[in-house]
Amino acid sequence: MAESNKSMNKCAPELDDLLCFSLYSTSLAMNKLYRKLLKPLDITYSQYLVLVSLWEKDEQAVNAIGERLYLDSATLTPLLKRMEASDLVTRRRALKDERSVIVSLTQKAKEMEPKVADIMEQALCAANMDMAEFKETKAKLEKLRTNLLHNM
C-alpha cells in the first residue's frame, strides 16, 4: 500500500503552516474586499493607493510614489497612464530635471477624496477588528516587511 504524501515528505511543510501563504491569502482577501468597496468609484485597489499617497502630498515624482508604495517603474508607469486616461492624475516633466515626471491630482480625484473617507472603517468592520487590534496587526506587518526588505 502506498504511503501518503505527508508521511513520505516529512520535511515538507503543510500549506497552512506557511507564513507566506497566510500573508498571500490574506492579501487576496483584502484585495477582494477593496475591489468591492472601490467598485462604486470605478477605481482599482492600486489606483486607490496612488490616490491616497497623492492626497497625503500632491505633486509627487513618479519615483517617490514608487518608493512609498513599494512599486517599480515597470508596474507604476502603466498604472499612472491608465489613471491619466481616467482623468484621475496628470503627469508632466519636472522643470528642474526633465528626466523626472511629476504626478498631480486632477479635480476629479480631489473631489473623490471625501467619498473614500469611510473605506478604512468599512475594512475594519469587515475584518471584525477594533482599532487597537488593527494598529497592533499593522505594526507587526510593517516590522515583518522592514525585516524582510533589510535581509534581501
N, C-alpha and C. Protein backbone atom coordinates (compact mmCIF):
# COMPACT_ATOMS: atom_id res chain seq x y z
N MET A 1 0.85 -1.18 0.00
CA MET A 1 0.00 0.00 0.00
C MET A 1 0.89 1.24 0.00
N ALA A 2 0.54 2.21 -0.82
CA ALA A 2 1.37 3.42 -0.95
C ALA A 2 1.21 4.32 0.27
N GLU A 3 2.33 4.90 0.67
CA GLU A 3 2.27 5.85 1.79
C GLU A 3 1.70 7.17 1.30
N SER A 4 1.08 7.90 2.21
CA SER A 4 0.56 9.22 1.85
C SER A 4 1.72 10.19 1.61
N ASN A 5 1.44 11.26 0.86
CA ASN A 5 2.46 12.28 0.61
C ASN A 5 3.00 12.85 1.91
N LYS A 6 2.13 12.99 2.89
CA LYS A 6 2.54 13.60 4.17
C LYS A 6 3.61 12.75 4.86
N SER A 7 3.41 11.44 4.89
CA SER A 7 4.39 10.61 5.58
C SER A 7 5.66 10.43 4.76
N MET A 8 5.58 10.49 3.43
CA MET A 8 6.75 10.36 2.57
C MET A 8 7.61 11.61 2.61
N ASN A 9 7.01 12.76 2.75
CA ASN A 9 7.72 14.04 2.72
C ASN A 9 7.68 14.69 4.09
N LYS A 10 8.26 14.04 5.07
CA LYS A 10 8.17 14.53 6.44
C LYS A 10 8.78 15.92 6.60
N CYS A 11 9.71 16.29 5.73
CA CYS A 11 10.35 17.60 5.84
C CYS A 11 9.54 18.70 5.17
N ALA A 12 8.64 18.33 4.31
CA ALA A 12 7.85 19.33 3.58
C ALA A 12 6.82 19.96 4.51
N PRO A 13 6.74 21.28 4.52
CA PRO A 13 5.75 21.94 5.38
C PRO A 13 4.34 21.78 4.81
N GLU A 14 3.38 21.92 5.67
CA GLU A 14 2.00 21.95 5.21
C GLU A 14 1.65 23.39 4.85
N LEU A 15 0.80 23.55 3.89
CA LEU A 15 0.43 24.87 3.40
C LEU A 15 -0.03 25.79 4.52
N ASP A 16 -0.86 25.28 5.40
CA ASP A 16 -1.40 26.10 6.49
C ASP A 16 -0.36 26.49 7.53
N ASP A 17 0.82 25.88 7.48
CA ASP A 17 1.90 26.23 8.40
C ASP A 17 2.80 27.35 7.86
N LEU A 18 2.60 27.73 6.61
CA LEU A 18 3.46 28.72 5.96
C LEU A 18 2.97 30.15 6.21
N LEU A 19 3.83 30.96 6.80
CA LEU A 19 3.51 32.37 7.00
C LEU A 19 3.28 33.05 5.65
N CYS A 20 4.10 32.71 4.66
CA CYS A 20 3.95 33.34 3.34
C CYS A 20 2.56 33.05 2.76
N PHE A 21 2.02 31.86 2.99
CA PHE A 21 0.69 31.55 2.49
C PHE A 21 -0.38 32.33 3.25
N SER A 22 -0.21 32.48 4.54
CA SER A 22 -1.16 33.28 5.33
C SER A 22 -1.17 34.72 4.83
N LEU A 23 0.01 35.27 4.58
CA LEU A 23 0.10 36.64 4.07
C LEU A 23 -0.52 36.74 2.68
N TYR A 24 -0.20 35.79 1.82
CA TYR A 24 -0.71 35.77 0.45
C TYR A 24 -2.23 35.67 0.42
N SER A 25 -2.78 34.73 1.15
CA SER A 25 -4.23 34.53 1.13
C SER A 25 -4.96 35.69 1.79
N THR A 26 -4.36 36.29 2.81
CA THR A 26 -4.94 37.47 3.44
C THR A 26 -4.92 38.65 2.48
N SER A 27 -3.83 38.79 1.75
CA SER A 27 -3.72 39.85 0.75
C SER A 27 -4.79 39.68 -0.33
N LEU A 28 -5.02 38.45 -0.77
CA LEU A 28 -6.07 38.19 -1.75
C LEU A 28 -7.44 38.59 -1.20
N ALA A 29 -7.70 38.23 0.05
CA ALA A 29 -8.98 38.57 0.68
C ALA A 29 -9.13 40.09 0.81
N MET A 30 -8.06 40.77 1.19
CA MET A 30 -8.10 42.22 1.34
C MET A 30 -8.35 42.89 -0.02
N ASN A 31 -7.68 42.40 -1.06
CA ASN A 31 -7.89 42.94 -2.39
C ASN A 31 -9.33 42.73 -2.86
N LYS A 32 -9.87 41.57 -2.56
CA LYS A 32 -11.26 41.28 -2.94
C LYS A 32 -12.21 42.24 -2.22
N LEU A 33 -11.97 42.47 -0.94
CA LEU A 33 -12.79 43.40 -0.17
C LEU A 33 -12.70 44.81 -0.76
N TYR A 34 -11.48 45.28 -1.01
CA TYR A 34 -11.30 46.63 -1.54
C TYR A 34 -11.88 46.75 -2.95
N ARG A 35 -11.81 45.69 -3.75
CA ARG A 35 -12.42 45.72 -5.08
C ARG A 35 -13.91 46.03 -4.95
N LYS A 36 -14.56 45.38 -3.98
CA LYS A 36 -15.99 45.60 -3.73
C LYS A 36 -16.23 47.03 -3.22
N LEU A 37 -15.41 47.48 -2.27
CA LEU A 37 -15.60 48.82 -1.70
C LEU A 37 -15.33 49.94 -2.70
N LEU A 38 -14.40 49.70 -3.61
CA LEU A 38 -14.00 50.74 -4.57
C LEU A 38 -14.77 50.70 -5.88
N LYS A 39 -15.54 49.64 -6.09
CA LYS A 39 -16.28 49.50 -7.35
C LYS A 39 -17.18 50.70 -7.64
N PRO A 40 -17.91 51.23 -6.66
CA PRO A 40 -18.77 52.40 -6.96
C PRO A 40 -17.98 53.62 -7.44
N LEU A 41 -16.71 53.69 -7.08
CA LEU A 41 -15.86 54.82 -7.51
C LEU A 41 -15.14 54.53 -8.82
N ASP A 42 -15.27 53.31 -9.31
CA ASP A 42 -14.66 52.89 -10.57
C ASP A 42 -13.13 53.04 -10.54
N ILE A 43 -12.52 52.65 -9.40
CA ILE A 43 -11.07 52.64 -9.30
C ILE A 43 -10.62 51.29 -8.74
N THR A 44 -9.39 50.93 -9.06
CA THR A 44 -8.82 49.69 -8.56
C THR A 44 -8.12 49.95 -7.23
N TYR A 45 -7.75 48.87 -6.57
CA TYR A 45 -7.02 48.99 -5.30
C TYR A 45 -5.68 49.70 -5.51
N SER A 46 -4.98 49.34 -6.58
CA SER A 46 -3.70 50.00 -6.86
C SER A 46 -3.88 51.49 -7.12
N GLN A 47 -4.93 51.84 -7.86
CA GLN A 47 -5.22 53.25 -8.11
C GLN A 47 -5.57 53.96 -6.81
N TYR A 48 -6.30 53.29 -5.95
CA TYR A 48 -6.65 53.85 -4.64
C TYR A 48 -5.40 54.17 -3.84
N LEU A 49 -4.42 53.27 -3.84
CA LEU A 49 -3.19 53.51 -3.10
C LEU A 49 -2.43 54.71 -3.65
N VAL A 50 -2.37 54.84 -4.97
CA VAL A 50 -1.72 56.01 -5.57
C VAL A 50 -2.46 57.27 -5.15
N LEU A 51 -3.78 57.24 -5.20
CA LEU A 51 -4.57 58.41 -4.81
C LEU A 51 -4.34 58.77 -3.35
N VAL A 52 -4.32 57.78 -2.47
CA VAL A 52 -4.08 58.06 -1.05
C VAL A 52 -2.72 58.73 -0.87
N SER A 53 -1.72 58.24 -1.57
CA SER A 53 -0.39 58.85 -1.50
C SER A 53 -0.43 60.30 -1.97
N LEU A 54 -1.16 60.56 -3.05
CA LEU A 54 -1.26 61.93 -3.58
C LEU A 54 -2.16 62.81 -2.73
N TRP A 55 -3.14 62.24 -2.06
CA TRP A 55 -3.96 63.05 -1.14
C TRP A 55 -3.12 63.47 0.06
N GLU A 56 -2.19 62.62 0.46
CA GLU A 56 -1.27 62.99 1.55
C GLU A 56 -0.37 64.14 1.12
N LYS A 57 0.13 64.06 -0.12
CA LYS A 57 1.03 65.09 -0.66
C LYS A 57 0.88 65.09 -2.17
N ASP A 58 0.26 66.11 -2.71
CA ASP A 58 0.06 66.22 -4.15
C ASP A 58 1.39 66.57 -4.83
N GLU A 59 1.43 66.38 -6.12
CA GLU A 59 2.59 66.71 -6.95
C GLU A 59 3.85 66.00 -6.48
N GLN A 60 3.85 64.68 -6.69
CA GLN A 60 4.99 63.85 -6.33
C GLN A 60 5.66 63.30 -7.58
N ALA A 61 6.95 63.09 -7.49
CA ALA A 61 7.68 62.44 -8.58
C ALA A 61 7.27 60.96 -8.64
N VAL A 62 7.30 60.41 -9.84
CA VAL A 62 6.93 59.01 -10.02
C VAL A 62 7.78 58.11 -9.12
N ASN A 63 9.08 58.38 -9.04
CA ASN A 63 9.93 57.52 -8.21
C ASN A 63 9.58 57.62 -6.73
N ALA A 64 9.12 58.79 -6.27
CA ALA A 64 8.71 58.94 -4.87
C ALA A 64 7.45 58.12 -4.58
N ILE A 65 6.51 58.14 -5.52
CA ILE A 65 5.30 57.32 -5.37
C ILE A 65 5.68 55.84 -5.35
N GLY A 66 6.56 55.46 -6.26
CA GLY A 66 7.02 54.07 -6.31
C GLY A 66 7.66 53.61 -5.02
N GLU A 67 8.51 54.47 -4.44
CA GLU A 67 9.15 54.13 -3.16
C GLU A 67 8.11 54.00 -2.05
N ARG A 68 7.16 54.90 -2.04
CA ARG A 68 6.13 54.90 -1.00
C ARG A 68 5.27 53.64 -1.07
N LEU A 69 4.96 53.21 -2.31
CA LEU A 69 4.06 52.07 -2.50
C LEU A 69 4.80 50.75 -2.76
N TYR A 70 6.13 50.78 -2.73
CA TYR A 70 6.94 49.59 -2.99
C TYR A 70 6.66 49.02 -4.38
N LEU A 71 6.53 49.91 -5.36
CA LEU A 71 6.29 49.50 -6.75
C LEU A 71 7.44 49.96 -7.62
N ASP A 72 7.82 49.12 -8.58
CA ASP A 72 8.86 49.54 -9.52
C ASP A 72 8.22 50.32 -10.67
N SER A 73 9.04 50.99 -11.45
CA SER A 73 8.50 51.85 -12.51
C SER A 73 7.80 51.04 -13.59
N ALA A 74 8.22 49.79 -13.81
CA ALA A 74 7.56 48.95 -14.81
C ALA A 74 6.12 48.65 -14.43
N THR A 75 5.82 48.64 -13.15
CA THR A 75 4.45 48.44 -12.67
C THR A 75 3.72 49.77 -12.57
N LEU A 76 4.40 50.78 -12.08
CA LEU A 76 3.77 52.07 -11.80
C LEU A 76 3.43 52.86 -13.05
N THR A 77 4.30 52.87 -14.05
CA THR A 77 4.08 53.68 -15.25
C THR A 77 2.78 53.32 -15.96
N PRO A 78 2.51 52.04 -16.25
CA PRO A 78 1.23 51.72 -16.90
C PRO A 78 0.02 52.07 -16.02
N LEU A 79 0.18 51.90 -14.71
CA LEU A 79 -0.89 52.25 -13.77
C LEU A 79 -1.20 53.74 -13.86
N LEU A 80 -0.16 54.57 -13.86
CA LEU A 80 -0.35 56.02 -13.95
C LEU A 80 -0.92 56.43 -15.31
N LYS A 81 -0.54 55.72 -16.37
CA LYS A 81 -1.11 56.01 -17.69
C LYS A 81 -2.62 55.75 -17.70
N ARG A 82 -3.02 54.64 -17.08
CA ARG A 82 -4.46 54.34 -17.00
C ARG A 82 -5.19 55.38 -16.15
N MET A 83 -4.54 55.80 -15.07
CA MET A 83 -5.16 56.81 -14.20
C MET A 83 -5.27 58.15 -14.93
N GLU A 84 -4.28 58.46 -15.75
CA GLU A 84 -4.34 59.70 -16.53
C GLU A 84 -5.46 59.61 -17.56
N ALA A 85 -5.62 58.46 -18.20
CA ALA A 85 -6.70 58.26 -19.17
C ALA A 85 -8.07 58.35 -18.51
N SER A 86 -8.15 58.02 -17.22
CA SER A 86 -9.41 58.12 -16.46
C SER A 86 -9.59 59.48 -15.81
N ASP A 87 -8.70 60.42 -16.11
CA ASP A 87 -8.76 61.79 -15.58
C ASP A 87 -8.64 61.83 -14.06
N LEU A 88 -7.77 60.97 -13.52
CA LEU A 88 -7.52 60.97 -12.08
C LEU A 88 -6.22 61.71 -11.74
N VAL A 89 -5.25 61.63 -12.63
CA VAL A 89 -3.96 62.29 -12.42
C VAL A 89 -3.49 62.93 -13.73
N THR A 90 -2.55 63.85 -13.57
CA THR A 90 -1.82 64.38 -14.72
C THR A 90 -0.34 64.09 -14.49
N ARG A 91 0.39 63.96 -15.58
CA ARG A 91 1.83 63.75 -15.49
C ARG A 91 2.51 64.82 -16.33
N ARG A 92 3.59 65.35 -15.78
CA ARG A 92 4.37 66.35 -16.53
C ARG A 92 5.83 66.23 -16.13
N ARG A 93 6.68 66.66 -17.02
CA ARG A 93 8.12 66.66 -16.74
C ARG A 93 8.44 67.73 -15.70
N ALA A 94 9.34 67.41 -14.79
CA ALA A 94 9.78 68.38 -13.78
C ALA A 94 10.58 69.48 -14.47
N LEU A 95 10.40 70.71 -14.02
CA LEU A 95 11.11 71.84 -14.61
C LEU A 95 12.61 71.76 -14.35
N LYS A 96 13.00 71.37 -13.14
CA LYS A 96 14.41 71.35 -12.76
C LYS A 96 15.16 70.14 -13.32
N ASP A 97 14.44 69.04 -13.54
CA ASP A 97 15.07 67.82 -14.04
C ASP A 97 14.09 67.13 -14.97
N GLU A 98 14.28 67.29 -16.26
CA GLU A 98 13.33 66.76 -17.25
C GLU A 98 13.26 65.24 -17.27
N ARG A 99 14.21 64.58 -16.60
CA ARG A 99 14.14 63.12 -16.51
C ARG A 99 13.07 62.68 -15.52
N SER A 100 12.70 63.57 -14.62
CA SER A 100 11.73 63.26 -13.58
C SER A 100 10.32 63.65 -14.04
N VAL A 101 9.36 62.79 -13.73
CA VAL A 101 7.96 63.04 -14.06
C VAL A 101 7.20 63.30 -12.77
N ILE A 102 6.45 64.40 -12.75
CA ILE A 102 5.65 64.78 -11.59
C ILE A 102 4.20 64.38 -11.82
N VAL A 103 3.61 63.75 -10.82
CA VAL A 103 2.22 63.30 -10.89
C VAL A 103 1.39 64.19 -9.97
N SER A 104 0.27 64.67 -10.50
CA SER A 104 -0.62 65.56 -9.74
C SER A 104 -2.05 65.04 -9.82
N LEU A 105 -2.81 65.36 -8.80
CA LEU A 105 -4.24 65.02 -8.77
C LEU A 105 -5.01 65.94 -9.71
N THR A 106 -6.03 65.39 -10.35
CA THR A 106 -6.96 66.21 -11.11
C THR A 106 -8.08 66.66 -10.16
N GLN A 107 -8.90 67.55 -10.65
CA GLN A 107 -10.04 68.00 -9.86
C GLN A 107 -10.97 66.82 -9.54
N LYS A 108 -11.15 65.94 -10.52
CA LYS A 108 -11.98 64.75 -10.32
C LYS A 108 -11.46 63.92 -9.14
N ALA A 109 -10.16 63.72 -9.07
CA ALA A 109 -9.56 62.93 -7.98
C ALA A 109 -9.67 63.66 -6.65
N LYS A 110 -9.51 64.97 -6.68
CA LYS A 110 -9.63 65.75 -5.44
C LYS A 110 -11.05 65.66 -4.89
N GLU A 111 -12.03 65.66 -5.78
CA GLU A 111 -13.43 65.56 -5.35
C GLU A 111 -13.78 64.16 -4.87
N MET A 112 -12.99 63.19 -5.24
CA MET A 112 -13.23 61.81 -4.83
C MET A 112 -12.80 61.55 -3.38
N GLU A 113 -11.88 62.33 -2.86
CA GLU A 113 -11.30 62.07 -1.54
C GLU A 113 -12.35 61.92 -0.43
N PRO A 114 -13.32 62.83 -0.31
CA PRO A 114 -14.31 62.64 0.77
C PRO A 114 -15.15 61.37 0.62
N LYS A 115 -15.28 60.89 -0.62
CA LYS A 115 -16.09 59.69 -0.87
C LYS A 115 -15.42 58.42 -0.37
N VAL A 116 -14.11 58.47 -0.16
CA VAL A 116 -13.40 57.27 0.30
C VAL A 116 -13.07 57.33 1.78
N ALA A 117 -13.53 58.37 2.44
CA ALA A 117 -13.18 58.58 3.85
C ALA A 117 -13.56 57.41 4.75
N ASP A 118 -14.63 56.72 4.44
CA ASP A 118 -15.08 55.65 5.32
C ASP A 118 -14.62 54.26 4.87
N ILE A 119 -13.79 54.19 3.85
CA ILE A 119 -13.37 52.88 3.35
C ILE A 119 -12.55 52.12 4.39
N MET A 120 -11.62 52.78 5.07
CA MET A 120 -10.83 52.09 6.09
C MET A 120 -11.74 51.57 7.21
N GLU A 121 -12.72 52.37 7.58
CA GLU A 121 -13.66 51.94 8.63
C GLU A 121 -14.44 50.71 8.17
N GLN A 122 -14.87 50.71 6.91
CA GLN A 122 -15.58 49.55 6.37
C GLN A 122 -14.68 48.32 6.36
N ALA A 123 -13.41 48.51 6.04
CA ALA A 123 -12.46 47.39 6.05
C ALA A 123 -12.26 46.86 7.47
N LEU A 124 -12.18 47.77 8.44
CA LEU A 124 -12.06 47.35 9.85
C LEU A 124 -13.28 46.54 10.27
N CYS A 125 -14.45 47.00 9.88
CA CYS A 125 -15.68 46.27 10.22
C CYS A 125 -15.68 44.89 9.58
N ALA A 126 -15.26 44.82 8.32
CA ALA A 126 -15.23 43.53 7.62
C ALA A 126 -14.23 42.58 8.28
N ALA A 127 -13.14 43.13 8.81
CA ALA A 127 -12.12 42.32 9.47
C ALA A 127 -12.51 41.99 10.91
N ASN A 128 -13.58 42.60 11.38
CA ASN A 128 -14.04 42.40 12.75
C ASN A 128 -12.92 42.70 13.76
N MET A 129 -12.25 43.84 13.54
CA MET A 129 -11.14 44.26 14.41
C MET A 129 -11.45 45.62 15.01
N ASP A 130 -11.05 45.80 16.25
CA ASP A 130 -11.14 47.15 16.81
C ASP A 130 -9.85 47.89 16.46
N MET A 131 -9.80 49.16 16.75
CA MET A 131 -8.66 49.98 16.34
C MET A 131 -7.36 49.50 16.98
N ALA A 132 -7.41 49.03 18.22
CA ALA A 132 -6.19 48.54 18.88
C ALA A 132 -5.65 47.31 18.16
N GLU A 133 -6.53 46.36 17.82
CA GLU A 133 -6.10 45.17 17.09
C GLU A 133 -5.53 45.54 15.73
N PHE A 134 -6.20 46.47 15.07
CA PHE A 134 -5.76 46.94 13.76
C PHE A 134 -4.35 47.52 13.84
N LYS A 135 -4.12 48.40 14.81
CA LYS A 135 -2.81 49.04 14.95
C LYS A 135 -1.72 48.02 15.29
N GLU A 136 -2.05 47.06 16.15
CA GLU A 136 -1.09 46.03 16.53
C GLU A 136 -0.73 45.15 15.32
N THR A 137 -1.74 44.74 14.57
CA THR A 137 -1.51 43.91 13.39
C THR A 137 -0.70 44.67 12.35
N LYS A 138 -1.06 45.91 12.13
CA LYS A 138 -0.36 46.75 11.16
C LYS A 138 1.10 46.93 11.56
N ALA A 139 1.36 47.18 12.83
CA ALA A 139 2.74 47.36 13.31
C ALA A 139 3.56 46.08 13.11
N LYS A 140 2.96 44.92 13.38
CA LYS A 140 3.68 43.66 13.20
C LYS A 140 3.99 43.41 11.72
N LEU A 141 3.02 43.72 10.86
CA LEU A 141 3.25 43.54 9.42
C LEU A 141 4.32 44.49 8.91
N GLU A 142 4.31 45.72 9.40
CA GLU A 142 5.34 46.69 8.98
C GLU A 142 6.72 46.25 9.44
N LYS A 143 6.81 45.70 10.65
CA LYS A 143 8.09 45.20 11.15
C LYS A 143 8.57 44.03 10.29
N LEU A 144 7.66 43.13 9.96
CA LEU A 144 8.00 42.00 9.11
C LEU A 144 8.50 42.48 7.75
N ARG A 145 7.79 43.43 7.14
CA ARG A 145 8.19 43.97 5.84
C ARG A 145 9.58 44.60 5.92
N THR A 146 9.81 45.40 6.94
CA THR A 146 11.11 46.06 7.12
C THR A 146 12.22 45.02 7.26
N ASN A 147 11.99 44.01 8.09
CA ASN A 147 12.99 42.96 8.29
C ASN A 147 13.28 42.22 7.00
N LEU A 148 12.23 41.88 6.25
CA LEU A 148 12.42 41.15 5.00
C LEU A 148 13.19 41.98 3.98
N LEU A 149 12.81 43.25 3.84
CA LEU A 149 13.50 44.12 2.88
C LEU A 149 14.95 44.34 3.29
N HIS A 150 15.20 44.41 4.58
CA HIS A 150 16.56 44.62 5.08
C HIS A 150 17.45 43.40 4.80
N ASN A 151 16.84 42.23 4.79
CA ASN A 151 17.61 41.00 4.64
C ASN A 151 17.58 40.40 3.24
N MET A 152 17.18 41.18 2.28
CA MET A 152 17.13 40.67 0.89
C MET A 152 18.48 40.80 0.23
